Amino acid sequence: MSEDYKIKSFNSIEEAENLLIESRNRIDEIDNELLDLISQRTSLAKDIVLAKDFIGMPIYDKSREDKLHDKVRRFSEERDLDADIIDQILDMLTILNKNEQKKILGRNVNG
């Protein structure tokens, strides 16, 4: 565990309250960054589906999704995150992208 994330001991309620406020503010900033990244990711998925459609490639690529899940699982384990939950987040991102792709193509992108 990183030095920055060890359990802290407090000398006063004010110190604990300040850390709580600072931590919550940083979480809000990170949430905004995550939403921006999700938006960027979804925009790229739109480009990908248009390119695949033009080239004549299948829209659904199971091997690509499997590689992404493997990468996320390794990443999660290296950082001591719950790999199952992170995998579920990836599933949700994939569903979001597929829904956007369906809107663009007007057809089922699951195969």
N, C-alpha and C. Protein backbone atom coordinates (compact mmCIF):
# COMPACT_ATOMS: atom_id res chain seq x y z
N MET A 1 0.85 -1.18 0.00
CA MET A 1 0.00 0.00 0.00
C MET A 1 0.89 1.24 0.00
N SER A 2 0.53 2.25 -0.76
CA SER A 2 1.29 3.48 -0.86
C SER A 2 1.30 4.22 0.47
N GLU A 3 2.39 4.95 0.71
CA GLU A 3 2.49 5.75 1.93
C GLU A 3 1.33 6.74 2.04
N ASP A 4 0.89 7.27 0.90
CA ASP A 4 -0.18 8.26 0.91
C ASP A 4 -1.50 7.70 1.39
N TYR A 5 -1.66 6.39 1.34
CA TYR A 5 -2.96 5.80 1.64
C TYR A 5 -2.95 4.95 2.90
N LYS A 6 -1.97 5.13 3.73
CA LYS A 6 -1.98 4.42 5.01
C LYS A 6 -3.02 5.06 5.92
N ILE A 7 -3.48 4.29 6.87
CA ILE A 7 -4.47 4.78 7.83
C ILE A 7 -3.86 5.97 8.58
N LYS A 8 -4.61 7.05 8.64
CA LYS A 8 -4.12 8.26 9.29
C LYS A 8 -4.64 8.31 10.72
N SER A 9 -3.84 8.90 11.55
CA SER A 9 -4.33 9.19 12.90
C SER A 9 -4.48 10.70 13.00
N PHE A 10 -5.46 11.13 13.74
CA PHE A 10 -5.79 12.55 13.81
C PHE A 10 -5.51 13.08 15.20
N ASN A 11 -5.16 14.35 15.23
CA ASN A 11 -4.92 15.03 16.50
C ASN A 11 -6.13 15.83 16.96
N SER A 12 -7.08 16.03 16.01
CA SER A 12 -8.26 16.81 16.37
C SER A 12 -9.41 16.49 15.42
N ILE A 13 -10.61 16.82 15.86
CA ILE A 13 -11.79 16.66 15.00
C ILE A 13 -11.65 17.55 13.77
N GLU A 14 -11.13 18.75 13.96
CA GLU A 14 -10.95 19.69 12.85
C GLU A 14 -10.04 19.10 11.77
N GLU A 15 -8.98 18.45 12.19
CA GLU A 15 -8.06 17.81 11.24
C GLU A 15 -8.78 16.71 10.45
N ALA A 16 -9.57 15.91 11.13
CA ALA A 16 -10.33 14.85 10.46
C ALA A 16 -11.37 15.45 9.51
N GLU A 17 -12.06 16.49 9.95
CA GLU A 17 -13.07 17.14 9.11
C GLU A 17 -12.43 17.75 7.86
N ASN A 18 -11.26 18.36 8.02
CA ASN A 18 -10.55 18.95 6.88
C ASN A 18 -10.16 17.88 5.86
N LEU A 19 -9.67 16.75 6.37
CA LEU A 19 -9.31 15.66 5.47
C LEU A 19 -10.54 15.13 4.74
N LEU A 20 -11.65 15.03 5.46
CA LEU A 20 -12.90 14.58 4.86
C LEU A 20 -13.33 15.51 3.73
N ILE A 21 -13.29 16.80 3.97
CA ILE A 21 -13.68 17.78 2.96
C ILE A 21 -12.74 17.72 1.76
N GLU A 22 -11.44 17.71 2.02
CA GLU A 22 -10.45 17.65 0.93
C GLU A 22 -10.62 16.37 0.11
N SER A 23 -10.84 15.25 0.78
CA SER A 23 -11.00 13.97 0.08
C SER A 23 -12.26 13.96 -0.77
N ARG A 24 -13.34 14.48 -0.23
CA ARG A 24 -14.59 14.53 -1.00
C ARG A 24 -14.46 15.46 -2.20
N ASN A 25 -13.78 16.58 -2.02
CA ASN A 25 -13.55 17.49 -3.15
C ASN A 25 -12.73 16.81 -4.24
N ARG A 26 -11.72 16.08 -3.84
CA ARG A 26 -10.89 15.38 -4.83
C ARG A 26 -11.68 14.29 -5.53
N ILE A 27 -12.54 13.59 -4.79
CA ILE A 27 -13.40 12.57 -5.40
C ILE A 27 -14.31 13.23 -6.44
N ASP A 28 -14.87 14.40 -6.13
CA ASP A 28 -15.70 15.11 -7.10
C ASP A 28 -14.91 15.45 -8.36
N GLU A 29 -13.67 15.90 -8.20
CA GLU A 29 -12.82 16.20 -9.35
C GLU A 29 -12.55 14.95 -10.18
N ILE A 30 -12.25 13.86 -9.50
CA ILE A 30 -11.98 12.60 -10.20
C ILE A 30 -13.23 12.12 -10.93
N ASP A 31 -14.39 12.24 -10.30
CA ASP A 31 -15.64 11.84 -10.96
C ASP A 31 -15.84 12.63 -12.25
N ASN A 32 -15.57 13.94 -12.21
CA ASN A 32 -15.68 14.76 -13.42
C ASN A 32 -14.70 14.29 -14.50
N GLU A 33 -13.49 13.97 -14.09
CA GLU A 33 -12.50 13.46 -15.03
C GLU A 33 -12.94 12.13 -15.62
N LEU A 34 -13.49 11.25 -14.79
CA LEU A 34 -13.98 9.96 -15.27
C LEU A 34 -15.10 10.14 -16.29
N LEU A 35 -16.02 11.04 -16.00
CA LEU A 35 -17.12 11.28 -16.94
C LEU A 35 -16.60 11.82 -18.27
N ASP A 36 -15.61 12.70 -18.20
CA ASP A 36 -15.01 13.22 -19.42
C ASP A 36 -14.32 12.09 -20.21
N LEU A 37 -13.62 11.22 -19.52
CA LEU A 37 -12.95 10.10 -20.18
C LEU A 37 -13.97 9.13 -20.79
N ILE A 38 -15.08 8.89 -20.09
CA ILE A 38 -16.12 8.02 -20.63
C ILE A 38 -16.69 8.63 -21.90
N SER A 39 -16.90 9.94 -21.89
CA SER A 39 -17.40 10.62 -23.08
C SER A 39 -16.42 10.48 -24.25
N GLN A 40 -15.14 10.67 -23.96
CA GLN A 40 -14.12 10.51 -24.99
C GLN A 40 -14.09 9.08 -25.52
N ARG A 41 -14.18 8.12 -24.62
CA ARG A 41 -14.16 6.70 -25.01
C ARG A 41 -15.35 6.38 -25.91
N THR A 42 -16.51 6.90 -25.56
CA THR A 42 -17.71 6.65 -26.34
C THR A 42 -17.60 7.28 -27.73
N SER A 43 -17.02 8.46 -27.80
CA SER A 43 -16.82 9.11 -29.11
C SER A 43 -15.91 8.28 -29.99
N LEU A 44 -14.87 7.71 -29.42
CA LEU A 44 -13.97 6.85 -30.20
C LEU A 44 -14.68 5.60 -30.67
N ALA A 45 -15.58 5.07 -29.86
CA ALA A 45 -16.34 3.89 -30.27
C ALA A 45 -17.20 4.21 -31.48
N LYS A 46 -17.72 5.43 -31.53
CA LYS A 46 -18.50 5.84 -32.70
C LYS A 46 -17.63 5.81 -33.96
N ASP A 47 -16.42 6.36 -33.83
CA ASP A 47 -15.50 6.35 -34.98
C ASP A 47 -15.18 4.92 -35.40
N ILE A 48 -14.96 4.06 -34.42
CA ILE A 48 -14.60 2.67 -34.70
C ILE A 48 -15.73 1.96 -35.43
N VAL A 49 -16.96 2.15 -34.98
CA VAL A 49 -18.07 1.45 -35.63
C VAL A 49 -18.27 1.94 -37.06
N LEU A 50 -18.08 3.22 -37.29
CA LEU A 50 -18.21 3.73 -38.65
C LEU A 50 -17.12 3.16 -39.55
N ALA A 51 -15.90 3.09 -39.03
CA ALA A 51 -14.79 2.53 -39.81
C ALA A 51 -15.03 1.04 -40.09
N LYS A 52 -15.44 0.30 -39.06
CA LYS A 52 -15.71 -1.13 -39.25
C LYS A 52 -16.82 -1.35 -40.27
N ASP A 53 -17.86 -0.55 -40.19
CA ASP A 53 -18.97 -0.69 -41.12
C ASP A 53 -18.50 -0.40 -42.55
N PHE A 54 -17.71 0.62 -42.72
CA PHE A 54 -17.23 0.98 -44.06
C PHE A 54 -16.32 -0.11 -44.62
N ILE A 55 -15.44 -0.65 -43.77
CA ILE A 55 -14.50 -1.70 -44.19
C ILE A 55 -15.22 -3.02 -44.42
N GLY A 56 -16.35 -3.21 -43.76
CA GLY A 56 -17.07 -4.47 -43.86
C GLY A 56 -16.69 -5.47 -42.78
N MET A 57 -16.08 -4.96 -41.72
CA MET A 57 -15.71 -5.82 -40.59
C MET A 57 -16.92 -6.06 -39.71
N PRO A 58 -16.96 -7.20 -39.03
CA PRO A 58 -18.06 -7.40 -38.07
C PRO A 58 -17.93 -6.38 -36.93
N ILE A 59 -19.07 -5.97 -36.44
CA ILE A 59 -19.08 -4.96 -35.39
C ILE A 59 -18.66 -5.57 -34.05
N TYR A 60 -19.20 -6.72 -33.73
CA TYR A 60 -18.87 -7.38 -32.47
C TYR A 60 -17.58 -8.17 -32.62
N ASP A 61 -16.64 -7.94 -31.72
CA ASP A 61 -15.33 -8.60 -31.77
C ASP A 61 -15.05 -9.22 -30.40
N LYS A 62 -15.46 -10.47 -30.23
CA LYS A 62 -15.30 -11.16 -28.94
C LYS A 62 -13.85 -11.22 -28.50
N SER A 63 -12.93 -11.45 -29.42
CA SER A 63 -11.52 -11.56 -29.03
C SER A 63 -11.01 -10.22 -28.47
N ARG A 64 -11.47 -9.11 -29.04
CA ARG A 64 -11.09 -7.79 -28.53
C ARG A 64 -11.63 -7.58 -27.12
N GLU A 65 -12.89 -7.94 -26.92
CA GLU A 65 -13.47 -7.80 -25.58
C GLU A 65 -12.75 -8.69 -24.57
N ASP A 66 -12.41 -9.91 -24.98
CA ASP A 66 -11.68 -10.81 -24.08
C ASP A 66 -10.33 -10.22 -23.70
N LYS A 67 -9.64 -9.63 -24.68
CA LYS A 67 -8.34 -9.00 -24.39
C LYS A 67 -8.50 -7.84 -23.42
N LEU A 68 -9.54 -7.04 -23.62
CA LEU A 68 -9.79 -5.92 -22.71
C LEU A 68 -10.05 -6.41 -21.28
N HIS A 69 -10.87 -7.46 -21.17
CA HIS A 69 -11.16 -8.01 -19.84
C HIS A 69 -9.90 -8.57 -19.18
N ASP A 70 -9.06 -9.24 -19.95
CA ASP A 70 -7.80 -9.76 -19.40
C ASP A 70 -6.91 -8.62 -18.92
N LYS A 71 -6.81 -7.57 -19.73
CA LYS A 71 -5.97 -6.42 -19.37
C LYS A 71 -6.48 -5.75 -18.10
N VAL A 72 -7.80 -5.57 -18.01
CA VAL A 72 -8.40 -4.92 -16.85
C VAL A 72 -8.22 -5.78 -15.59
N ARG A 73 -8.34 -7.07 -15.75
CA ARG A 73 -8.17 -7.97 -14.61
C ARG A 73 -6.72 -7.89 -14.08
N ARG A 74 -5.76 -7.91 -14.98
CA ARG A 74 -4.35 -7.79 -14.56
C ARG A 74 -4.11 -6.44 -13.88
N PHE A 75 -4.60 -5.38 -14.48
CA PHE A 75 -4.47 -4.04 -13.94
C PHE A 75 -5.06 -3.97 -12.53
N SER A 76 -6.24 -4.54 -12.36
CA SER A 76 -6.92 -4.53 -11.07
C SER A 76 -6.11 -5.27 -10.01
N GLU A 77 -5.62 -6.44 -10.38
CA GLU A 77 -4.86 -7.24 -9.43
C GLU A 77 -3.55 -6.55 -9.04
N GLU A 78 -2.90 -5.90 -10.00
CA GLU A 78 -1.65 -5.18 -9.71
C GLU A 78 -1.88 -4.04 -8.73
N ARG A 79 -3.06 -3.45 -8.76
CA ARG A 79 -3.37 -2.29 -7.93
C ARG A 79 -4.25 -2.64 -6.73
N ASP A 80 -4.41 -3.93 -6.49
CA ASP A 80 -5.19 -4.41 -5.35
C ASP A 80 -6.62 -3.87 -5.36
N LEU A 81 -7.22 -3.87 -6.56
CA LEU A 81 -8.62 -3.49 -6.72
C LEU A 81 -9.45 -4.75 -6.89
N ASP A 82 -10.72 -4.67 -6.59
CA ASP A 82 -11.61 -5.81 -6.76
C ASP A 82 -11.80 -6.05 -8.26
N ALA A 83 -11.15 -7.08 -8.78
CA ALA A 83 -11.14 -7.35 -10.22
C ALA A 83 -12.54 -7.62 -10.75
N ASP A 84 -13.40 -8.24 -9.96
CA ASP A 84 -14.76 -8.52 -10.43
C ASP A 84 -15.56 -7.23 -10.63
N ILE A 85 -15.41 -6.31 -9.72
CA ILE A 85 -16.13 -5.04 -9.85
C ILE A 85 -15.58 -4.22 -11.01
N ILE A 86 -14.26 -4.18 -11.15
CA ILE A 86 -13.67 -3.45 -12.27
C ILE A 86 -14.09 -4.09 -13.59
N ASP A 87 -14.19 -5.40 -13.62
CA ASP A 87 -14.66 -6.11 -14.81
C ASP A 87 -16.11 -5.72 -15.13
N GLN A 88 -16.93 -5.56 -14.10
CA GLN A 88 -18.31 -5.13 -14.31
C GLN A 88 -18.37 -3.70 -14.86
N ILE A 89 -17.46 -2.85 -14.39
CA ILE A 89 -17.40 -1.49 -14.93
C ILE A 89 -17.06 -1.54 -16.42
N LEU A 90 -16.10 -2.39 -16.79
CA LEU A 90 -15.76 -2.54 -18.20
C LEU A 90 -16.97 -3.03 -18.99
N ASP A 91 -17.73 -3.97 -18.43
CA ASP A 91 -18.95 -4.44 -19.09
C ASP A 91 -19.92 -3.28 -19.33
N MET A 92 -20.07 -2.43 -18.34
CA MET A 92 -20.97 -1.29 -18.48
C MET A 92 -20.48 -0.33 -19.56
N LEU A 93 -19.18 -0.09 -19.61
CA LEU A 93 -18.63 0.77 -20.65
C LEU A 93 -18.84 0.16 -22.03
N THR A 94 -18.69 -1.14 -22.12
CA THR A 94 -18.90 -1.85 -23.39
C THR A 94 -20.36 -1.74 -23.81
N ILE A 95 -21.27 -1.90 -22.88
CA ILE A 95 -22.70 -1.76 -23.19
C ILE A 95 -23.00 -0.34 -23.66
N LEU A 96 -22.43 0.65 -22.98
CA LEU A 96 -22.62 2.04 -23.39
C LEU A 96 -22.16 2.24 -24.84
N ASN A 97 -20.99 1.71 -25.16
CA ASN A 97 -20.47 1.84 -26.53
C ASN A 97 -21.36 1.13 -27.54
N LYS A 98 -21.80 -0.07 -27.20
CA LYS A 98 -22.68 -0.82 -28.12
C LYS A 98 -23.99 -0.08 -28.35
N ASN A 99 -24.53 0.51 -27.30
CA ASN A 99 -25.77 1.27 -27.45
C ASN A 99 -25.57 2.46 -28.38
N GLU A 100 -24.44 3.13 -28.24
CA GLU A 100 -24.13 4.25 -29.13
C GLU A 100 -23.97 3.76 -30.57
N GLN A 101 -23.31 2.61 -30.72
CA GLN A 101 -23.11 2.04 -32.05
C GLN A 101 -24.45 1.65 -32.68
N LYS A 102 -25.34 1.11 -31.86
CA LYS A 102 -26.67 0.74 -32.38
C LYS A 102 -27.40 1.97 -32.91
N LYS A 103 -27.28 3.07 -32.18
CA LYS A 103 -27.91 4.30 -32.64
C LYS A 103 -27.36 4.73 -34.00
N ILE A 104 -26.05 4.61 -34.15
CA ILE A 104 -25.41 5.03 -35.39
C ILE A 104 -25.80 4.13 -36.56
N LEU A 105 -25.76 2.85 -36.33
CA LEU A 105 -25.99 1.91 -37.42
C LEU A 105 -27.45 1.53 -37.59
N GLY A 106 -28.23 1.72 -36.56
CA GLY A 106 -29.63 1.34 -36.64
C GLY A 106 -29.83 -0.16 -36.75
N ARG A 107 -28.87 -0.92 -36.17
CA ARG A 107 -29.00 -2.36 -36.20
C ARG A 107 -28.30 -2.95 -34.98
N ASN A 108 -28.52 -4.20 -34.74
CA ASN A 108 -27.94 -4.90 -33.60
C ASN A 108 -26.44 -5.10 -33.84
N VAL A 109 -25.61 -4.69 -32.87
CA VAL A 109 -24.17 -4.82 -33.03
C VAL A 109 -23.61 -6.02 -32.26
N ASN A 110 -24.44 -6.90 -31.80
CA ASN A 110 -23.97 -8.05 -31.02
C ASN A 110 -23.61 -9.24 -31.88
N GLY A 111 -23.48 -9.08 -33.16
CA GLY A 111 -23.03 -10.21 -33.97
C GLY A 111 -23.84 -10.43 -35.20
